PDB file of N, CA and C in Angstrom:
ATOM      1  N   MET A   1      82.655 157.506 106.422  1.00  0.00           N
ATOM      2  CA  MET A   1      82.223 156.297 107.081  1.00  0.00           C
ATOM      3  C   MET A   1      83.411 155.332 107.177  1.00  0.00           C
ATOM      4  N   THR A   2      83.570 154.687 108.325  1.00  0.00           N
ATOM      5  CA  THR A   2      84.684 153.770 108.503  1.00  0.00           C
ATOM      6  C   THR A   2      84.237 152.348 108.218  1.00  0.00           C
ATOM      7  N   ALA A   3      85.165 151.550 107.770  1.00  0.00           N
ATOM      8  CA  ALA A   3      84.876 150.142 107.500  1.00  0.00           C
ATOM      9  C   ALA A   3      84.861 149.364 108.811  1.00  0.00           C
ATOM     10  N   VAL A   4      83.981 148.394 108.887  1.00  0.00           N
ATOM     11  CA  VAL A   4      83.914 147.529 110.065  1.00  0.00           C
ATOM     12  C   VAL A   4      85.055 146.531 109.975  1.00  0.00           C
ATOM     13  N   LYS A   5      85.807 146.431 111.045  1.00  0.00           N
ATOM     14  CA  LYS A   5      86.928 145.509 111.061  1.00  0.00           C
ATOM     15  C   LYS A   5      86.400 144.074 111.095  1.00  0.00           C
ATOM     16  N   PRO A   6      87.075 143.162 110.394  1.00  0.00           N
ATOM     17  CA  PRO A   6      86.613 141.771 110.347  1.00  0.00           C
ATOM     18  C   PRO A   6      86.474 141.132 111.733  1.00  0.00           C
ATOM     19  N   ALA A   7      87.365 141.420 112.658  1.00  0.00           N
ATOM     20  CA  ALA A   7      87.288 140.822 113.996  1.00  0.00           C
ATOM     21  C   ALA A   7      86.036 141.281 114.738  1.00  0.00           C
ATOM     22  N   VAL A   8      85.680 142.553 114.618  1.00  0.00           N
ATOM     23  CA  VAL A   8      84.479 143.081 115.269  1.00  0.00           C
ATOM     24  C   VAL A   8      83.240 142.452 114.647  1.00  0.00           C
ATOM     25  N   PHE A   9      83.242 142.352 113.322  1.00  0.00           N
ATOM     26  CA  PHE A   9      82.127 141.752 112.608  1.00  0.00           C
ATOM     27  C   PHE A   9      81.921 140.298 113.043  1.00  0.00           C
ATOM     28  N   LEU A  10      82.995 139.519 113.090  1.00  0.00           N
ATOM     29  CA  LEU A  10      82.904 138.108 113.492  1.00  0.00           C
ATOM     30  C   LEU A  10      82.461 137.972 114.952  1.00  0.00           C
ATOM     31  N   ALA A  11      82.945 138.848 115.813  1.00  0.00           N
ATOM     32  CA  ALA A  11      82.544 138.808 117.220  1.00  0.00           C
ATOM     33  C   ALA A  11      81.048 139.085 117.357  1.00  0.00           C
ATOM     34  N   THR A  12      80.542 140.023 116.577  1.00  0.00           N
ATOM     35  CA  THR A  12      79.112 140.340 116.616  1.00  0.00           C
ATOM     36  C   THR A  12      78.291 139.153 116.139  1.00  0.00           C
ATOM     37  N   ILE A  13      78.700 138.515 115.057  1.00  0.00           N
ATOM     38  CA  ILE A  13      78.004 137.331 114.539  1.00  0.00           C
ATOM     39  C   ILE A  13      78.000 136.227 115.596  1.00  0.00           C
ATOM     40  N   PHE A  14      79.138 136.003 116.232  1.00  0.00           N
ATOM     41  CA  PHE A  14      79.247 134.960 117.260  1.00  0.00           C
ATOM     42  C   PHE A  14      78.312 135.249 118.430  1.00  0.00           C
ATOM     43  N   LEU A  15      78.255 136.486 118.876  1.00  0.00           N
ATOM     44  CA  LEU A  15      77.404 136.870 119.999  1.00  0.00           C
ATOM     45  C   LEU A  15      75.931 136.649 119.663  1.00  0.00           C
ATOM     46  N   VAL A  16      75.503 137.071 118.492  1.00  0.00           N
ATOM     47  CA  VAL A  16      74.105 136.887 118.087  1.00  0.00           C
ATOM     48  C   VAL A  16      73.777 135.403 117.993  1.00  0.00           C
ATOM     49  N   ALA A  17      74.670 134.611 117.417  1.00  0.00           N
ATOM     50  CA  ALA A  17      74.447 133.169 117.298  1.00  0.00           C
ATOM     51  C   ALA A  17      74.364 132.513 118.670  1.00  0.00           C
ATOM     52  N   SER A  18      75.196 132.929 119.605  1.00  0.00           N
ATOM     53  CA  SER A  18      75.182 132.367 120.964  1.00  0.00           C
ATOM     54  C   SER A  18      73.878 132.688 121.673  1.00  0.00           C
ATOM     55  N   LEU A  19      73.416 133.921 121.562  1.00  0.00           N
ATOM     56  CA  LEU A  19      72.160 134.306 122.203  1.00  0.00           C
ATOM     57  C   LEU A  19      70.986 133.554 121.602  1.00  0.00           C
ATOM     58  N   THR A  20      70.970 133.381 120.302  1.00  0.00           N
ATOM     59  CA  THR A  20      69.894 132.649 119.638  1.00  0.00           C
ATOM     60  C   THR A  20      69.905 131.189 120.072  1.00  0.00           C
ATOM     61  N   ALA A  21      71.077 130.567 120.156  1.00  0.00           N
ATOM     62  CA  ALA A  21      71.176 129.171 120.558  1.00  0.00           C
ATOM     63  C   ALA A  21      70.712 128.977 121.986  1.00  0.00           C
ATOM     64  N   SER A  22      71.065 129.879 122.898  1.00  0.00           N
ATOM     65  CA  SER A  22      70.658 129.715 124.291  1.00  0.00           C
ATOM     66  C   SER A  22      69.158 129.871 124.442  1.00  0.00           C
ATOM     67  N   ARG A  23      68.535 130.726 123.640  1.00  0.00           N
ATOM     68  CA  ARG A  23      67.075 130.854 123.685  1.00  0.00           C
ATOM     69  C   ARG A  23      66.416 129.593 123.165  1.00  0.00           C
ATOM     70  N   ALA A  24      66.979 128.985 122.131  1.00  0.00           N
ATOM     71  CA  ALA A  24      66.403 127.780 121.546  1.00  0.00           C
ATOM     72  C   ALA A  24      66.475 126.610 122.521  1.00  0.00           C
ATOM     73  N   GLU A  25      67.471 126.586 123.392  1.00  0.00           N
ATOM     74  CA  GLU A  25      67.633 125.491 124.335  1.00  0.00           C
ATOM     75  C   GLU A  25      66.770 125.649 125.587  1.00  0.00           C
ATOM     76  N   SER A  26      66.212 126.815 125.807  1.00  0.00           N
ATOM     77  CA  SER A  26      65.368 127.033 126.975  1.00  0.00           C
ATOM     78  C   SER A  26      64.094 126.224 126.837  1.00  0.00           C
ATOM     79  N   PRO A  27      63.672 125.535 127.895  1.00  0.00           N
ATOM     80  CA  PRO A  27      62.440 124.754 127.785  1.00  0.00           C
ATOM     81  C   PRO A  27      61.219 125.652 127.622  1.00  0.00           C
ATOM     82  N   ARG A  28      60.250 125.145 126.896  1.00  0.00           N
ATOM     83  CA  ARG A  28      58.981 125.857 126.737  1.00  0.00           C
ATOM     84  C   ARG A  28      58.291 125.879 128.089  1.00  0.00           C
ATOM     85  N   ARG A  29      57.676 127.017 128.415  1.00  0.00           N
ATOM     86  CA  ARG A  29      56.996 127.188 129.696  1.00  0.00           C
ATOM     87  C   ARG A  29      55.491 127.264 129.443  1.00  0.00           C
ATOM     88  N   ILE A  30      54.742 126.458 130.186  1.00  0.00           N
ATOM     89  CA  ILE A  30      53.293 126.408 130.026  1.00  0.00           C
ATOM     90  C   ILE A  30      52.653 126.735 131.365  1.00  0.00           C
ATOM     91  N   GLU A  31      51.865 127.787 131.403  1.00  0.00           N
ATOM     92  CA  GLU A  31      51.184 128.194 132.635  1.00  0.00           C
ATOM     93  C   GLU A  31      49.839 127.490 132.731  1.00  0.00           C
ATOM     94  N   ILE A  32      49.588 126.893 133.887  1.00  0.00           N
ATOM     95  CA  ILE A  32      48.331 126.189 134.145  1.00  0.00           C
ATOM     96  C   ILE A  32      47.752 126.733 135.444  1.00  0.00           C
ATOM     97  N   ILE A  33      46.516 127.193 135.376  1.00  0.00           N
ATOM     98  CA  ILE A  33      45.829 127.724 136.549  1.00  0.00           C
ATOM     99  C   ILE A  33      44.887 126.648 137.084  1.00  0.00           C
ATOM    100  N   ALA A  34      45.028 126.339 138.370  1.00  0.00           N
ATOM    101  CA  ALA A  34      44.135 125.390 139.033  1.00  0.00           C
ATOM    102  C   ALA A  34      43.113 126.169 139.847  1.00  0.00           C
ATOM    103  N   LYS A  35      41.848 125.794 139.695  1.00  0.00           N
ATOM    104  CA  LYS A  35      40.773 126.404 140.481  1.00  0.00           C
ATOM    105  C   LYS A  35      39.650 125.387 140.564  1.00  0.00           C
ATOM    106  N   ARG A  36      38.849 125.483 141.603  1.00  0.00           N
ATOM    107  CA  ARG A  36      37.762 124.521 141.758  1.00  0.00           C
ATOM    108  C   ARG A  36      36.915 124.487 140.507  1.00  0.00           C
ATOM    109  N   PHE A  37      36.727 123.507 139.879  1.00  0.00           N
ATOM    110  CA  PHE A  37      37.255 122.163 139.873  1.00  0.00           C
ATOM    111  C   PHE A  37      37.788 121.893 138.477  1.00  0.00           C
ATOM    112  N   THR A  38      38.677 122.781 138.017  1.00  0.00           N
ATOM    113  CA  THR A  38      39.233 122.692 136.671  1.00  0.00           C
ATOM    114  C   THR A  38      40.695 123.142 136.648  1.00  0.00           C
ATOM    115  N   TYR A  39      41.322 122.780 135.552  1.00  0.00           N
ATOM    116  CA  TYR A  39      42.624 123.344 135.196  1.00  0.00           C
ATOM    117  C   TYR A  39      42.393 124.201 133.952  1.00  0.00           C
ATOM    118  N   ASP A  40      43.106 125.304 133.844  1.00  0.00           N
ATOM    119  CA  ASP A  40      42.977 126.165 132.674  1.00  0.00           C
ATOM    120  C   ASP A  40      44.366 126.447 132.126  1.00  0.00           C
ATOM    121  N   PRO A  41      44.717 125.899 130.966  1.00  0.00           N
ATOM    122  CA  PRO A  41      43.885 125.090 130.089  1.00  0.00           C
ATOM    123  C   PRO A  41      43.714 123.678 130.653  1.00  0.00           C
ATOM    124  N   ASP A  42      42.691 122.979 130.174  1.00  0.00           N
ATOM    125  CA  ASP A  42      42.473 121.616 130.661  1.00  0.00           C
ATOM    126  C   ASP A  42      43.000 120.563 129.695  1.00  0.00           C
ATOM    127  N   VAL A  43      43.533 121.019 128.549  1.00  0.00           N
ATOM    128  CA  VAL A  43      44.204 120.139 127.586  1.00  0.00           C
ATOM    129  C   VAL A  43      45.463 120.852 127.110  1.00  0.00           C
ATOM    130  N   ILE A  44      46.610 120.153 127.176  1.00  0.00           N
ATOM    131  CA  ILE A  44      47.847 120.709 126.631  1.00  0.00           C
ATOM    132  C   ILE A  44      48.496 119.660 125.733  1.00  0.00           C
ATOM    133  N   THR A  45      49.253 120.138 124.759  1.00  0.00           N
ATOM    134  CA  THR A  45      49.947 119.244 123.837  1.00  0.00           C
ATOM    135  C   THR A  45      51.442 119.474 123.971  1.00  0.00           C
ATOM    136  N   LEU A  46      52.168 118.376 124.157  1.00  0.00           N
ATOM    137  CA  LEU A  46      53.624 118.412 124.286  1.00  0.00           C
ATOM    138  C   LEU A  46      54.232 117.562 123.179  1.00  0.00           C
ATOM    139  N   LYS A  47      55.497 117.830 122.850  1.00  0.00           N
ATOM    140  CA  LYS A  47      56.212 117.020 121.879  1.00  0.00           C
ATOM    141  C   LYS A  47      57.126 116.043 122.607  1.00  0.00           C
ATOM    142  N   LYS A  48      57.145 114.812 122.125  1.00  0.00           N
ATOM    143  CA  LYS A  48      58.039 113.804 122.695  1.00  0.00           C
ATOM    144  C   LYS A  48      59.481 114.302 122.591  1.00  0.00           C
ATOM    145  N   GLY A  49      60.197 114.233 123.705  1.00  0.00           N
ATOM    146  CA  GLY A  49      61.605 114.631 123.739  1.00  0.00           C
ATOM    147  C   GLY A  49      61.854 116.115 123.923  1.00  0.00           C
ATOM    148  N   GLU A  50      60.795 116.926 123.926  1.00  0.00           N
ATOM    149  CA  GLU A  50      60.975 118.369 124.106  1.00  0.00           C
ATOM    150  C   GLU A  50      60.865 118.718 125.591  1.00  0.00           C
ATOM    151  N   PRO A  51      61.902 119.334 126.170  1.00  0.00           N
ATOM    152  CA  PRO A  51      61.813 119.731 127.582  1.00  0.00           C
ATOM    153  C   PRO A  51      60.788 120.853 127.757  1.00  0.00           C
ATOM    154  N   VAL A  52      59.986 120.743 128.801  1.00  0.00           N
ATOM    155  CA  VAL A  52      59.003 121.776 129.136  1.00  0.00           C
ATOM    156  C   VAL A  52      58.998 122.015 130.634  1.00  0.00           C
ATOM    157  N   VAL A  53      58.505 123.177 131.007  1.00  0.00           N
ATOM    158  CA  VAL A  53      58.290 123.505 132.407  1.00  0.00           C
ATOM    159  C   VAL A  53      56.808 123.840 132.546  1.00  0.00           C
ATOM    160  N   LEU A  54      56.120 123.112 133.421  1.00  0.00           N
ATOM    161  CA  LEU A  54      54.733 123.423 133.737  1.00  0.00           C
ATOM    162  C   LEU A  54      54.741 124.358 134.936  1.00  0.00           C
ATOM    163  N   LEU A  55      54.108 125.514 134.794  1.00  0.00           N
ATOM    164  CA  LEU A  55      54.012 126.495 135.868  1.00  0.00           C
ATOM    165  C   LEU A  55      52.592 126.426 136.409  1.00  0.00           C
ATOM    166  N   LEU A  56      52.426 125.847 137.585  1.00  0.00           N
ATOM    167  CA  LEU A  56      51.107 125.629 138.170  1.00  0.00           C
ATOM    168  C   LEU A  56      50.834 126.646 139.262  1.00  0.00           C
ATOM    169  N   ARG A  57      49.624 127.212 139.222  1.00  0.00           N
ATOM    170  CA  ARG A  57      49.228 128.185 140.241  1.00  0.00           C
ATOM    171  C   ARG A  57      47.751 127.991 140.558  1.00  0.00           C
ATOM    172  N   SER A  58      47.392 128.120 141.826  1.00  0.00           N
ATOM    173  CA  SER A  58      46.002 128.036 142.265  1.00  0.00           C
ATOM    174  C   SER A  58      45.465 129.442 142.518  1.00  0.00           C
ATOM    175  N   THR A  59      44.185 129.622 142.202  1.00  0.00           N
ATOM    176  CA  THR A  59      43.544 130.912 142.472  1.00  0.00           C
ATOM    177  C   THR A  59      42.605 130.850 143.663  1.00  0.00           C
ATOM    178  N   ASP A  60      42.442 129.659 144.274  1.00  0.00           N
ATOM    179  CA  ASP A  60      41.494 129.580 145.388  1.00  0.00           C
ATOM    180  C   ASP A  60      42.021 128.772 146.576  1.00  0.00           C
ATOM    181  N   VAL A  61      42.051 127.464 146.458  1.00  0.00           N
ATOM    182  CA  VAL A  61      42.492 126.605 147.560  1.00  0.00           C
ATOM    183  C   VAL A  61      43.689 125.779 147.094  1.00  0.00           C
ATOM    184  N   THR A  62      44.241 124.980 147.984  1.00  0.00           N
ATOM    185  CA  THR A  62      45.369 124.119 147.621  1.00  0.00           C
ATOM    186  C   THR A  62      44.888 122.990 146.717  1.00  0.00           C
ATOM    187  N   HIS A  63      45.627 122.799 145.619  1.00  0.00           N
ATOM    188  CA  HIS A  63      45.359 121.714 144.677  1.00  0.00           C
ATOM    189  C   HIS A  63      46.643 120.911 144.519  1.00  0.00           C
ATOM    190  N   GLY A  64      46.623 119.956 143.619  1.00  0.00           N
ATOM    191  CA  GLY A  64      47.797 119.168 143.271  1.00  0.00           C
ATOM    192  C   GLY A  64      47.618 118.665 141.854  1.00  0.00           C
ATOM    193  N   LEU A  65      48.618 117.996 141.331  1.00  0.00           N
ATOM    194  CA  LEU A  65      48.509 117.375 140.006  1.00  0.00           C
ATOM    195  C   LEU A  65      49.314 116.093 140.008  1.00  0.00           C
ATOM    196  N   LYS A  66      48.653 115.014 139.587  1.00  0.00           N
ATOM    197  CA  LYS A  66      49.318 113.723 139.468  1.00  0.00           C
ATOM    198  C   LYS A  66      48.967 113.130 138.110  1.00  0.00           C
ATOM    199  N   VAL A  67      50.020 112.769 137.356  1.00  0.00           N
ATOM    200  CA  VAL A  67      49.845 112.134 136.049  1.00  0.00           C
ATOM    201  C   VAL A  67      50.728 110.891 136.048  1.00  0.00           C
ATOM    202  N   ASP A  68      50.116 109.732 136.285  1.00  0.00           N
ATOM    203  CA  ASP A  68      50.886 108.498 136.443  1.00  0.00           C
ATOM    204  C   ASP A  68      51.749 108.157 135.231  1.00  0.00           C
ATOM    205  N   GLY A  69      51.206 108.224 134.027  1.00  0.00           N
ATOM    206  CA  GLY A  69      51.939 107.814 132.835  1.00  0.00           C
ATOM    207  C   GLY A  69      53.144 108.676 132.514  1.00  0.00           C
ATOM    208  N   LEU A  70      53.219 109.870 133.085  1.00  0.00           N
ATOM    209  CA  LEU A  70      54.345 110.760 132.851  1.00  0.00           C
ATOM    210  C   LEU A  70      55.177 110.990 134.109  1.00  0.00           C
ATOM    211  N   ASN A  71      54.884 110.251 135.160  1.00  0.00           N
ATOM    212  CA  ASN A  71      55.595 110.381 136.437  1.00  0.00           C
ATOM    213  C   ASN A  71      55.572 111.808 136.975  1.00  0.00           C
ATOM    214  N   ILE A  72      54.413 112.443 136.910  1.00  0.00           N
ATOM    215  CA  ILE A  72      54.246 113.795 137.430  1.00  0.00           C
ATOM    216  C   ILE A  72      53.510 113.720 138.750  1.00  0.00           C
ATOM    217  N   LYS A  73      54.077 114.314 139.775  1.00  0.00           N
ATOM    218  CA  LYS A  73      53.407 114.504 141.058  1.00  0.00           C
ATOM    219  C   LYS A  73      53.892 115.841 141.596  1.00  0.00           C
ATOM    220  N   SER A  74      52.996 116.804 141.614  1.00  0.00           N
ATOM    221  CA  SER A  74      53.381 118.185 141.897  1.00  0.00           C
ATOM    222  C   SER A  74      53.627 118.493 143.363  1.00  0.00           C
ATOM    223  N   GLY A  75      53.036 117.744 144.254  1.00  0.00           N
ATOM    224  CA  GLY A  75      52.982 118.217 145.627  1.00  0.00           C
ATOM    225  C   GLY A  75      51.894 119.267 145.690  1.00  0.00           C
ATOM    226  N   ASP A  76      51.884 120.061 146.727  1.00  0.00           N
ATOM    227  CA  ASP A  76      50.826 121.056 146.892  1.00  0.00           C
ATOM    228  C   ASP A  76      51.010 122.245 145.955  1.00  0.00           C
ATOM    229  N   ILE A  77      49.894 122.639 145.333  1.00  0.00           N
ATOM    230  CA  ILE A  77      49.838 123.864 144.535  1.00  0.00           C
ATOM    231  C   ILE A  77      49.016 124.833 145.373  1.00  0.00           C
ATOM    232  N   LYS A  78      49.700 125.728 146.063  1.00  0.00           N
ATOM    233  CA  LYS A  78      49.036 126.626 147.012  1.00  0.00           C
ATOM    234  C   LYS A  78      48.554 127.902 146.337  1.00  0.00           C
ATOM    235  N   LYS A  79      47.521 128.476 146.920  1.00  0.00           N
ATOM    236  CA  LYS A  79      46.938 129.704 146.394  1.00  0.00           C
ATOM    237  C   LYS A  79      48.010 130.786 146.255  1.00  0.00           C
ATOM    238  N   ASP A  80      48.024 131.406 145.071  1.00  0.00           N
ATOM    239  CA  ASP A  80      48.914 132.533 144.760  1.00  0.00           C
ATOM    240  C   ASP A  80      50.400 132.207 144.857  1.00  0.00           C
ATOM    241  N   GLN A  81      50.755 130.921 144.793  1.00  0.00           N
ATOM    242  CA  GLN A  81      52.162 130.521 144.741  1.00  0.00           C
ATOM    243  C   GLN A  81      52.367 129.689 143.487  1.00  0.00           C
ATOM    244  N   GLU A  82      53.556 129.780 142.914  1.00  0.00           N
ATOM    245  CA  GLU A  82      53.843 129.045 141.695  1.00  0.00           C
ATOM    246  C   GLU A  82      54.607 127.768 142.010  1.00  0.00           C
ATOM    247  N   THR A  83      54.179 126.672 141.389  1.00  0.00           N
ATOM    248  CA  THR A  83      54.850 125.389 141.499  1.00  0.00           C
ATOM    249  C   THR A  83      55.347 125.015 140.112  1.00  0.00           C
ATOM    250  N   GLU A  84      56.623 124.697 139.985  1.00  0.00           N
ATOM    251  CA  GLU A  84      57.202 124.327 138.695  1.00  0.00           C
ATOM    252  C   GLU A  84      57.438 122.832 138.623  1.00  0.00           C
ATOM    253  N   ILE A  85      57.092 122.275 137.468  1.00  0.00           N
ATOM    254  CA  ILE A  85      57.392 120.874 137.185  1.00  0.00           C
ATOM    255  C   ILE A  85      58.151 120.835 135.866  1.00  0.00           C
ATOM    256  N   GLN A  86      59.348 120.300 135.888  1.00  0.00           N
ATOM    257  CA  GLN A  86      60.137 120.157 134.670  1.00  0.00           C
ATOM    258  C   GLN A  86      59.998 118.727 134.179  1.00  0.00           C
ATOM    259  N   LEU A  87      59.758 118.586 132.876  1.00  0.00           N
ATOM    260  CA  LEU A  87      59.688 117.240 132.335  1.00  0.00           C
ATOM    261  C   LEU A  87      60.053 117.238 130.865  1.00  0.00           C
ATOM    262  N   THR A  88      60.464 116.069 130.411  1.00  0.00           N
ATOM    263  CA  THR A  88      60.721 115.810 129.001  1.00  0.00           C
ATOM    264  C   THR A  88      60.013 114.503 128.684  1.00  0.00           C
ATOM    265  N   PRO A  89      58.833 114.572 128.061  1.00  0.00           N
ATOM    266  CA  PRO A  89      58.083 113.337 127.793  1.00  0.00           C
ATOM    267  C   PRO A  89      58.852 112.403 126.870  1.00  0.00           C
ATOM    268  N   GLN A  90      58.878 111.125 127.213  1.00  0.00           N
ATOM    269  CA  GLN A  90      59.626 110.144 126.434  1.00  0.00           C
ATOM    270  C   GLN A  90      58.732 109.167 125.681  1.00  0.00           C
ATOM    271  N   GLN A  91      57.418 109.311 125.837  1.00  0.00           N
ATOM    272  CA  GLN A  91      56.495 108.442 125.104  1.00  0.00           C
ATOM    273  C   GLN A  91      55.299 109.249 124.631  1.00  0.00           C
ATOM    274  N   THR A  92      54.761 108.855 123.497  1.00  0.00           N
ATOM    275  CA  THR A  92      53.588 109.547 122.969  1.00  0.00           C
ATOM    276  C   THR A  92      52.329 108.927 123.551  1.00  0.00           C
ATOM    277  N   GLY A  93      51.253 109.679 123.468  1.00  0.00           N
ATOM    278  CA  GLY A  93      49.966 109.177 123.933  1.00  0.00           C
ATOM    279  C   GLY A  93      49.169 110.262 124.618  1.00  0.00           C
ATOM    280  N   GLN A  94      48.023 109.840 125.129  1.00  0.00           N
ATOM    281  CA  GLN A  94      47.134 110.739 125.867  1.00  0.00           C
ATOM    282  C   GLN A  94      47.195 110.343 127.341  1.00  0.00           C
ATOM    283  N   PHE A  95      47.477 111.322 128.188  1.00  0.00           N
ATOM    284  CA  PHE A  95      47.638 111.069 129.618  1.00  0.00           C
ATOM    285  C   PHE A  95      46.660 111.965 130.372  1.00  0.00           C
ATOM    286  N   ILE A  96      45.986 111.388 131.348  1.00  0.00           N
ATOM    287  CA  ILE A  96      45.005 112.141 132.131  1.00  0.00           C
ATOM    288  C   ILE A  96      45.564 112.358 133.529  1.00  0.00           C
ATOM    289  N   GLY A  97      45.694 113.636 133.900  1.00  0.00           N
ATOM    290  CA  GLY A  97      46.127 113.992 135.241  1.00  0.00           C
ATOM    291  C   GLY A  97      44.925 114.344 136.087  1.00  0.00           C
ATOM    292  N   GLN A  98      45.070 114.176 137.378  1.00  0.00           N
ATOM    293  CA  GLN A  98      44.003 114.487 138.317  1.00  0.00           C
ATOM    294  C   GLN A  98      44.545 115.341 139.446  1.00  0.00           C
ATOM    295  N   CYS A  99      43.642 116.091 140.066  1.00  0.00           N
ATOM    296  CA  CYS A  99      44.019 116.849 141.252  1.00  0.00           C
ATOM    297  C   CYS A  99      44.447 115.854 142.330  1.00  0.00           C
ATOM    298  N   ALA A 100      45.563 116.124 142.955  1.00  0.00           N
ATOM    299  CA  ALA A 100      46.124 115.202 143.940  1.00  0.00           C
ATOM    300  C   ALA A 100      45.971 115.707 145.373  1.00  0.00           C
ATOM    301  N   HIS A 101      45.140 116.729 145.572  1.00  0.00           N
ATOM    302  CA  HIS A 101      44.896 117.271 146.902  1.00  0.00           C
ATOM    303  C   HIS A 101      43.395 117.541 147.009  1.00  0.00           C
ATOM    304  N   PHE A 102      42.723 116.901 147.955  1.00  0.00           N
ATOM    305  CA  PHE A 102      41.268 117.064 148.049  1.00  0.00           C
ATOM    306  C   PHE A 102      40.924 118.544 148.158  1.00  0.00           C
ATOM    307  N   CYS A 103      40.054 118.993 147.232  1.00  0.00           N
ATOM    308  CA  CYS A 103      39.750 120.419 147.149  1.00  0.00           C
ATOM    309  C   CYS A 103      38.249 120.714 147.208  1.00  0.00           C
ATOM    310  N   GLY A 104      37.455 119.705 147.523  1.00  0.00           N
ATOM    311  CA  GLY A 104      36.016 119.931 147.649  1.00  0.00           C
ATOM    312  C   GLY A 104      35.203 118.897 146.894  1.00  0.00           C
ATOM    313  N   LYS A 105      33.915 119.149 146.840  1.00  0.00           N
ATOM    314  CA  LYS A 105      32.946 118.195 146.293  1.00  0.00           C
ATOM    315  C   LYS A 105      33.250 117.767 144.857  1.00  0.00           C
ATOM    316  N   GLY A 106      33.745 118.639 143.998  1.00  0.00           N
ATOM    317  CA  GLY A 106      34.032 118.310 142.602  1.00  0.00           C
ATOM    318  C   GLY A 106      35.452 117.827 142.350  1.00  0.00           C
ATOM    319  N   HIS A 107      36.185 117.535 143.396  1.00  0.00           N
ATOM    320  CA  HIS A 107      37.592 117.133 143.298  1.00  0.00           C
ATOM    321  C   HIS A 107      37.814 115.985 142.315  1.00  0.00           C
ATOM    322  N   GLY A 108      36.983 114.983 142.346  1.00  0.00           N
ATOM    323  CA  GLY A 108      37.154 113.800 141.495  1.00  0.00           C
ATOM    324  C   GLY A 108      37.018 114.086 140.011  1.00  0.00           C
ATOM    325  N   GLU A 109      36.388 115.186 139.661  1.00  0.00           N
ATOM    326  CA  GLU A 109      36.192 115.544 138.259  1.00  0.00           C
ATOM    327  C   GLU A 109      37.254 116.518 137.744  1.00  0.00           C
ATOM    328  N   MET A 110      38.192 116.908 138.588  1.00  0.00           N
ATOM    329  CA  MET A 110      39.211 117.886 138.210  1.00  0.00           C
ATOM    330  C   MET A 110      40.344 117.181 137.479  1.00  0.00           C
ATOM    331  N   LYS A 111      40.361 117.320 136.141  1.00  0.00           N
ATOM    332  CA  LYS A 111      41.306 116.574 135.319  1.00  0.00           C
ATOM    333  C   LYS A 111      42.036 117.503 134.343  1.00  0.00           C
ATOM    334  N   LEU A 112      43.240 117.072 133.976  1.00  0.00           N
ATOM    335  CA  LEU A 112      44.059 117.754 132.962  1.00  0.00           C
ATOM    336  C   LEU A 112      44.503 116.713 131.954  1.00  0.00           C
ATOM    337  N   GLN A 113      44.210 116.952 130.681  1.00  0.00           N
ATOM    338  CA  GLN A 113      44.620 116.032 129.614  1.00  0.00           C
ATOM    339  C   GLN A 113      45.917 116.524 129.012  1.00  0.00           C
ATOM    340  N   ILE A 114      46.904 115.630 128.926  1.00  0.00           N
ATOM    341  CA  ILE A 114      48.188 115.944 128.299  1.00  0.00           C
ATOM    342  C   ILE A 114      48.364 115.025 127.113  1.00  0.00           C
ATOM    343  N   ASP A 115      48.401 115.606 125.924  1.00  0.00           N
ATOM    344  CA  ASP A 115      48.640 114.853 124.706  1.00  0.00           C
ATOM    345  C   ASP A 115      50.100 115.009 124.327  1.00  0.00           C
ATOM    346  N   VAL A 116      50.812 113.882 124.189  1.00  0.00           N
ATOM    347  CA  VAL A 116      52.215 113.926 123.776  1.00  0.00           C
ATOM    348  C   VAL A 116      52.271 113.383 122.354  1.00  0.00           C
ATOM    349  N   VAL A 117      52.764 114.227 121.448  1.00  0.00           N
ATOM    350  CA  VAL A 117      52.819 113.879 120.034  1.00  0.00           C
ATOM    351  C   VAL A 117      54.266 113.674 119.599  1.00  0.00           C
ATOM    352  N   PRO A 118      54.452 112.937 118.478  1.00  0.00           N
ATOM    353  CA  PRO A 118      55.833 112.700 117.990  1.00  0.00           C
ATOM    354  C   PRO A 118      56.554 113.989 117.613  1.00  0.00           C
TER     355      PRO A 118
END
């Protein structure tokens, strides 16, 4: 058996550390499905200062998402297409989002609760 050379060993350690660090810096991704007249999940919890990506998709008609306290406005969330929203919440609290595209009779009741914790 041959001994591992110190340079190879250090290079391997550096590579593993770099890959681990880049994964840690990637924002958390949260998938949200919009369908008449709900979001699934309808409650999500985020950490203040943690970058996240909301992945929004509709299974039926065009929807939207607007959350005033977090400055979120998705634009159209079209059927079978993914809409991404990147955000880093800067304040804690409970924020209620609503569908921002008229989607039928229950449109006014279509809400998403976002809890931002310290």
